[in-house]
Amino acid sequence: MNNQAWKTSVEIDELENALYVRVIENGVVNIKAFKSLTEAKSFAKSERARLAIDAPGK
């Protein structure tokens, strides 16, 4: 798989007390909301594995 860093990433963000995971895949952005940090981290980890991205320490 040929992923370019600026086109493919997984990020966890908090905005107004809500947690979001932003998945950028080939330039397409998808955002999913979560109620807990544990759920957000688990989803982000599975997306990083699916996209073959090395996880930064988040």
PDB file of N, CA and C in Angstrom:
ATOM      1  N   MET A   1       0.846  -1.172   0.000  1.00  0.00           N
ATOM      2  CA  MET A   1       0.000   0.000   0.000  1.00  0.00           C
ATOM      3  C   MET A   1       0.891   1.233   0.000  1.00  0.00           C
ATOM      4  N   ASN A   2       0.591   2.196  -0.848  1.00  0.00           N
ATOM      5  CA  ASN A   2       1.392   3.398  -0.983  1.00  0.00           C
ATOM      6  C   ASN A   2       0.681   4.573  -0.325  1.00  0.00           C
ATOM      7  N   ASN A   3       0.891   4.738   0.964  1.00  0.00           N
ATOM      8  CA  ASN A   3       0.251   5.833   1.701  1.00  0.00           C
ATOM      9  C   ASN A   3       1.199   7.014   1.786  1.00  0.00           C
ATOM     10  N   GLN A   4       0.734   8.191   1.441  1.00  0.00           N
ATOM     11  CA  GLN A   4       1.506   9.404   1.617  1.00  0.00           C
ATOM     12  C   GLN A   4       1.052  10.038   2.922  1.00  0.00           C
ATOM     13  N   ALA A   5       2.016  10.454   3.740  1.00  0.00           N
ATOM     14  CA  ALA A   5       1.703  10.956   5.083  1.00  0.00           C
ATOM     15  C   ALA A   5       0.665  12.075   5.076  1.00  0.00           C
ATOM     16  N   TRP A   6       0.711  12.973   4.136  1.00  0.00           N
ATOM     17  CA  TRP A   6      -0.233  14.094   4.122  1.00  0.00           C
ATOM     18  C   TRP A   6      -1.609  13.670   3.645  1.00  0.00           C
ATOM     19  N   LYS A   7      -1.714  12.494   3.034  1.00  0.00           N
ATOM     20  CA  LYS A   7      -2.997  12.015   2.524  1.00  0.00           C
ATOM     21  C   LYS A   7      -3.628  10.967   3.428  1.00  0.00           C
ATOM     22  N   THR A   8      -2.841  10.350   4.300  1.00  0.00           N
ATOM     23  CA  THR A   8      -3.345   9.250   5.115  1.00  0.00           C
ATOM     24  C   THR A   8      -2.860   9.407   6.557  1.00  0.00           C
ATOM     25  N   SER A   9      -3.799   9.555   7.490  1.00  0.00           N
ATOM     26  CA  SER A   9      -3.433   9.655   8.901  1.00  0.00           C
ATOM     27  C   SER A   9      -4.634   9.343   9.784  1.00  0.00           C
ATOM     28  N   VAL A  10      -4.346   9.102  11.059  1.00  0.00           N
ATOM     29  CA  VAL A  10      -5.389   8.863  12.063  1.00  0.00           C
ATOM     30  C   VAL A  10      -5.038   9.745  13.262  1.00  0.00           C
ATOM     31  N   GLU A  11      -5.982  10.577  13.680  1.00  0.00           N
ATOM     32  CA  GLU A  11      -5.730  11.516  14.770  1.00  0.00           C
ATOM     33  C   GLU A  11      -6.884  11.511  15.763  1.00  0.00           C
ATOM     34  N   ILE A  12      -6.547  11.647  17.044  1.00  0.00           N
ATOM     35  CA  ILE A  12      -7.565  11.778  18.091  1.00  0.00           C
ATOM     36  C   ILE A  12      -7.591  13.242  18.510  1.00  0.00           C
ATOM     37  N   ASP A  13      -8.781  13.805  18.603  1.00  0.00           N
ATOM     38  CA  ASP A  13      -8.948  15.210  18.959  1.00  0.00           C
ATOM     39  C   ASP A  13     -10.061  15.356  19.985  1.00  0.00           C
ATOM     40  N   GLU A  14      -9.966  16.378  20.819  1.00  0.00           N
ATOM     41  CA  GLU A  14     -11.048  16.688  21.759  1.00  0.00           C
ATOM     42  C   GLU A  14     -11.551  18.088  21.449  1.00  0.00           C
ATOM     43  N   LEU A  15     -12.849  18.223  21.331  1.00  0.00           N
ATOM     44  CA  LEU A  15     -13.455  19.512  21.033  1.00  0.00           C
ATOM     45  C   LEU A  15     -14.698  19.662  21.897  1.00  0.00           C
ATOM     46  N   GLU A  16     -14.712  20.671  22.737  1.00  0.00           N
ATOM     47  CA  GLU A  16     -15.846  20.928  23.623  1.00  0.00           C
ATOM     48  C   GLU A  16     -16.295  19.678  24.380  1.00  0.00           C
ATOM     49  N   ASN A  17     -15.365  19.021  25.045  1.00  0.00           N
ATOM     50  CA  ASN A  17     -15.617  17.842  25.878  1.00  0.00           C
ATOM     51  C   ASN A  17     -16.122  16.621  25.120  1.00  0.00           C
ATOM     52  N   ALA A  18     -15.923  16.573  23.822  1.00  0.00           N
ATOM     53  CA  ALA A  18     -16.262  15.384  23.032  1.00  0.00           C
ATOM     54  C   ALA A  18     -14.988  14.900  22.343  1.00  0.00           C
ATOM     55  N   LEU A  19     -14.863  13.592  22.216  1.00  0.00           N
ATOM     56  CA  LEU A  19     -13.686  12.997  21.581  1.00  0.00           C
ATOM     57  C   LEU A  19     -14.009  12.595  20.156  1.00  0.00           C
ATOM     58  N   TYR A  20     -13.087  12.872  19.258  1.00  0.00           N
ATOM     59  CA  TYR A  20     -13.271  12.545  17.847  1.00  0.00           C
ATOM     60  C   TYR A  20     -12.027  11.857  17.315  1.00  0.00           C
ATOM     61  N   VAL A  21     -12.243  10.898  16.421  1.00  0.00           N
ATOM     62  CA  VAL A  21     -11.130  10.302  15.686  1.00  0.00           C
ATOM     63  C   VAL A  21     -11.306  10.724  14.240  1.00  0.00           C
ATOM     64  N   ARG A  22     -10.255  11.363  13.729  1.00  0.00           N
ATOM     65  CA  ARG A  22     -10.261  11.818  12.336  1.00  0.00           C
ATOM     66  C   ARG A  22      -9.388  10.855  11.536  1.00  0.00           C
ATOM     67  N   VAL A  23      -9.986  10.210  10.536  1.00  0.00           N
ATOM     68  CA  VAL A  23      -9.265   9.286   9.668  1.00  0.00           C
ATOM     69  C   VAL A  23      -9.180   9.930   8.292  1.00  0.00           C
ATOM     70  N   ILE A  24      -7.957  10.172   7.841  1.00  0.00           N
ATOM     71  CA  ILE A  24      -7.737  10.721   6.503  1.00  0.00           C
ATOM     72  C   ILE A  24      -7.138   9.594   5.673  1.00  0.00           C
ATOM     73  N   GLU A  25      -7.889   9.164   4.673  1.00  0.00           N
ATOM     74  CA  GLU A  25      -7.467   8.043   3.827  1.00  0.00           C
ATOM     75  C   GLU A  25      -7.476   8.501   2.374  1.00  0.00           C
ATOM     76  N   ASN A  26      -6.284   8.582   1.794  1.00  0.00           N
ATOM     77  CA  ASN A  26      -6.135   9.054   0.412  1.00  0.00           C
ATOM     78  C   ASN A  26      -6.798  10.409   0.204  1.00  0.00           C
ATOM     79  N   GLY A  27      -6.655  11.290   1.178  1.00  0.00           N
ATOM     80  CA  GLY A  27      -7.193  12.636   1.069  1.00  0.00           C
ATOM     81  C   GLY A  27      -8.647  12.792   1.480  1.00  0.00           C
ATOM     82  N   VAL A  28      -9.345  11.694   1.771  1.00  0.00           N
ATOM     83  CA  VAL A  28     -10.756  11.746   2.174  1.00  0.00           C
ATOM     84  C   VAL A  28     -10.827  11.717   3.700  1.00  0.00           C
ATOM     85  N   VAL A  29     -11.531  12.685   4.290  1.00  0.00           N
ATOM     86  CA  VAL A  29     -11.610  12.806   5.745  1.00  0.00           C
ATOM     87  C   VAL A  29     -12.913  12.214   6.262  1.00  0.00           C
ATOM     88  N   ASN A  30     -12.801  11.326   7.260  1.00  0.00           N
ATOM     89  CA  ASN A  30     -13.963  10.783   7.968  1.00  0.00           C
ATOM     90  C   ASN A  30     -13.757  11.069   9.449  1.00  0.00           C
ATOM     91  N   ILE A  31     -14.813  11.502  10.119  1.00  0.00           N
ATOM     92  CA  ILE A  31     -14.726  11.828  11.541  1.00  0.00           C
ATOM     93  C   ILE A  31     -15.778  11.032  12.293  1.00  0.00           C
ATOM     94  N   LYS A  32     -15.354  10.418  13.403  1.00  0.00           N
ATOM     95  CA  LYS A  32     -16.268   9.626  14.222  1.00  0.00           C
ATOM     96  C   LYS A  32     -16.147  10.099  15.670  1.00  0.00           C
ATOM     97  N   ALA A  33     -17.279  10.271  16.335  1.00  0.00           N
ATOM     98  CA  ALA A  33     -17.307  10.739  17.721  1.00  0.00           C
ATOM     99  C   ALA A  33     -17.360   9.558  18.689  1.00  0.00           C
ATOM    100  N   PHE A  34     -16.762   9.752  19.870  1.00  0.00           N
ATOM    101  CA  PHE A  34     -16.740   8.717  20.902  1.00  0.00           C
ATOM    102  C   PHE A  34     -17.042   9.329  22.255  1.00  0.00           C
ATOM    103  N   LYS A  35     -17.581   8.507  23.151  1.00  0.00           N
ATOM    104  CA  LYS A  35     -17.928   8.966  24.496  1.00  0.00           C
ATOM    105  C   LYS A  35     -16.768   8.818  25.473  1.00  0.00           C
ATOM    106  N   SER A  36     -15.823   7.910  25.170  1.00  0.00           N
ATOM    107  CA  SER A  36     -14.708   7.715  26.096  1.00  0.00           C
ATOM    108  C   SER A  36     -13.382   7.685  25.342  1.00  0.00           C
ATOM    109  N   LEU A  37     -12.334   8.055  26.051  1.00  0.00           N
ATOM    110  CA  LEU A  37     -10.993   8.041  25.473  1.00  0.00           C
ATOM    111  C   LEU A  37     -10.574   6.616  25.123  1.00  0.00           C
ATOM    112  N   THR A  38     -10.990   5.650  25.931  1.00  0.00           N
ATOM    113  CA  THR A  38     -10.658   4.249  25.667  1.00  0.00           C
ATOM    114  C   THR A  38     -11.225   3.792  24.330  1.00  0.00           C
ATOM    115  N   GLU A  39     -12.490   4.127  24.078  1.00  0.00           N
ATOM    116  CA  GLU A  39     -13.113   3.757  22.796  1.00  0.00           C
ATOM    117  C   GLU A  39     -12.416   4.445  21.626  1.00  0.00           C
ATOM    118  N   ALA A  40     -12.098   5.725  21.795  1.00  0.00           N
ATOM    119  CA  ALA A  40     -11.434   6.485  20.730  1.00  0.00           C
ATOM    120  C   ALA A  40     -10.062   5.901  20.421  1.00  0.00           C
ATOM    121  N   LYS A  41      -9.291   5.582  21.467  1.00  0.00           N
ATOM    122  CA  LYS A  41      -7.958   5.008  21.266  1.00  0.00           C
ATOM    123  C   LYS A  41      -8.031   3.643  20.603  1.00  0.00           C
ATOM    124  N   SER A  42      -8.997   2.828  21.007  1.00  0.00           N
ATOM    125  CA  SER A  42      -9.162   1.499  20.421  1.00  0.00           C
ATOM    126  C   SER A  42      -9.494   1.595  18.932  1.00  0.00           C
ATOM    127  N   PHE A  43     -10.419   2.494  18.589  1.00  0.00           N
ATOM    128  CA  PHE A  43     -10.788   2.682  17.189  1.00  0.00           C
ATOM    129  C   PHE A  43      -9.602   3.218  16.386  1.00  0.00           C
ATOM    130  N   ALA A  44      -8.895   4.199  16.942  1.00  0.00           N
ATOM    131  CA  ALA A  44      -7.736   4.771  16.249  1.00  0.00           C
ATOM    132  C   ALA A  44      -6.669   3.704  16.013  1.00  0.00           C
ATOM    133  N   LYS A  45      -6.451   2.855  17.012  1.00  0.00           N
ATOM    134  CA  LYS A  45      -5.459   1.782  16.875  1.00  0.00           C
ATOM    135  C   LYS A  45      -5.847   0.822  15.755  1.00  0.00           C
ATOM    136  N   SER A  46      -7.119   0.452  15.682  1.00  0.00           N
ATOM    137  CA  SER A  46      -7.559  -0.475  14.634  1.00  0.00           C
ATOM    138  C   SER A  46      -7.467   0.173  13.252  1.00  0.00           C
ATOM    139  N   GLU A  47      -7.748   1.474  13.171  1.00  0.00           N
ATOM    140  CA  GLU A  47      -7.639   2.180  11.883  1.00  0.00           C
ATOM    141  C   GLU A  47      -6.180   2.307  11.454  1.00  0.00           C
ATOM    142  N   ARG A  48      -5.285   2.576  12.404  1.00  0.00           N
ATOM    143  CA  ARG A  48      -3.850   2.646  12.068  1.00  0.00           C
ATOM    144  C   ARG A  48      -3.359   1.296  11.559  1.00  0.00           C
ATOM    145  N   ALA A  49      -3.813   0.220  12.177  1.00  0.00           N
ATOM    146  CA  ALA A  49      -3.426  -1.118  11.720  1.00  0.00           C
ATOM    147  C   ALA A  49      -3.989  -1.391  10.329  1.00  0.00           C
ATOM    148  N   ARG A  50      -5.244  -1.035  10.102  1.00  0.00           N
ATOM    149  CA  ARG A  50      -5.876  -1.254   8.799  1.00  0.00           C
ATOM    150  C   ARG A  50      -5.154  -0.492   7.697  1.00  0.00           C
ATOM    151  N   LEU A  51      -4.707   0.720   8.015  1.00  0.00           N
ATOM    152  CA  LEU A  51      -4.036   1.563   7.026  1.00  0.00           C
ATOM    153  C   LEU A  51      -2.519   1.369   7.007  1.00  0.00           C
ATOM    154  N   ALA A  52      -2.021   0.473   7.848  1.00  0.00           N
ATOM    155  CA  ALA A  52      -0.580   0.185   7.947  1.00  0.00           C
ATOM    156  C   ALA A  52       0.215   1.447   8.288  1.00  0.00           C
ATOM    157  N   ILE A  53      -0.273   2.169   9.299  1.00  0.00           N
ATOM    158  CA  ILE A  53       0.391   3.386   9.775  1.00  0.00           C
ATOM    159  C   ILE A  53       1.022   3.074  11.125  1.00  0.00           C
ATOM    160  N   ASP A  54       2.281   3.485  11.307  1.00  0.00           N
ATOM    161  CA  ASP A  54       2.911   3.330  12.619  1.00  0.00           C
ATOM    162  C   ASP A  54       2.248   4.292  13.589  1.00  0.00           C
ATOM    163  N   ALA A  55       1.858   3.789  14.744  1.00  0.00           N
ATOM    164  CA  ALA A  55       1.157   4.616  15.734  1.00  0.00           C
ATOM    165  C   ALA A  55       2.142   5.543  16.437  1.00  0.00           C
ATOM    166  N   PRO A  56       1.847   6.838  16.461  1.00  0.00           N
ATOM    167  CA  PRO A  56       2.685   7.765  17.239  1.00  0.00           C
ATOM    168  C   PRO A  56       2.339   7.585  18.707  1.00  0.00           C
ATOM    169  N   GLY A  57       2.744   7.946  19.694  1.00  0.00           N
ATOM    170  CA  GLY A  57       2.391   7.592  21.061  1.00  0.00           C
ATOM    171  C   GLY A  57       1.046   8.032  21.568  1.00  0.00           C
ATOM    172  N   LYS A  58       0.035   8.197  20.743  1.00  0.00           N
ATOM    173  CA  LYS A  58      -1.279   8.671  21.223  1.00  0.00           C
ATOM    174  C   LYS A  58      -2.118   7.555  21.736  1.00  0.00           C
TER     175      LYS A  58
END
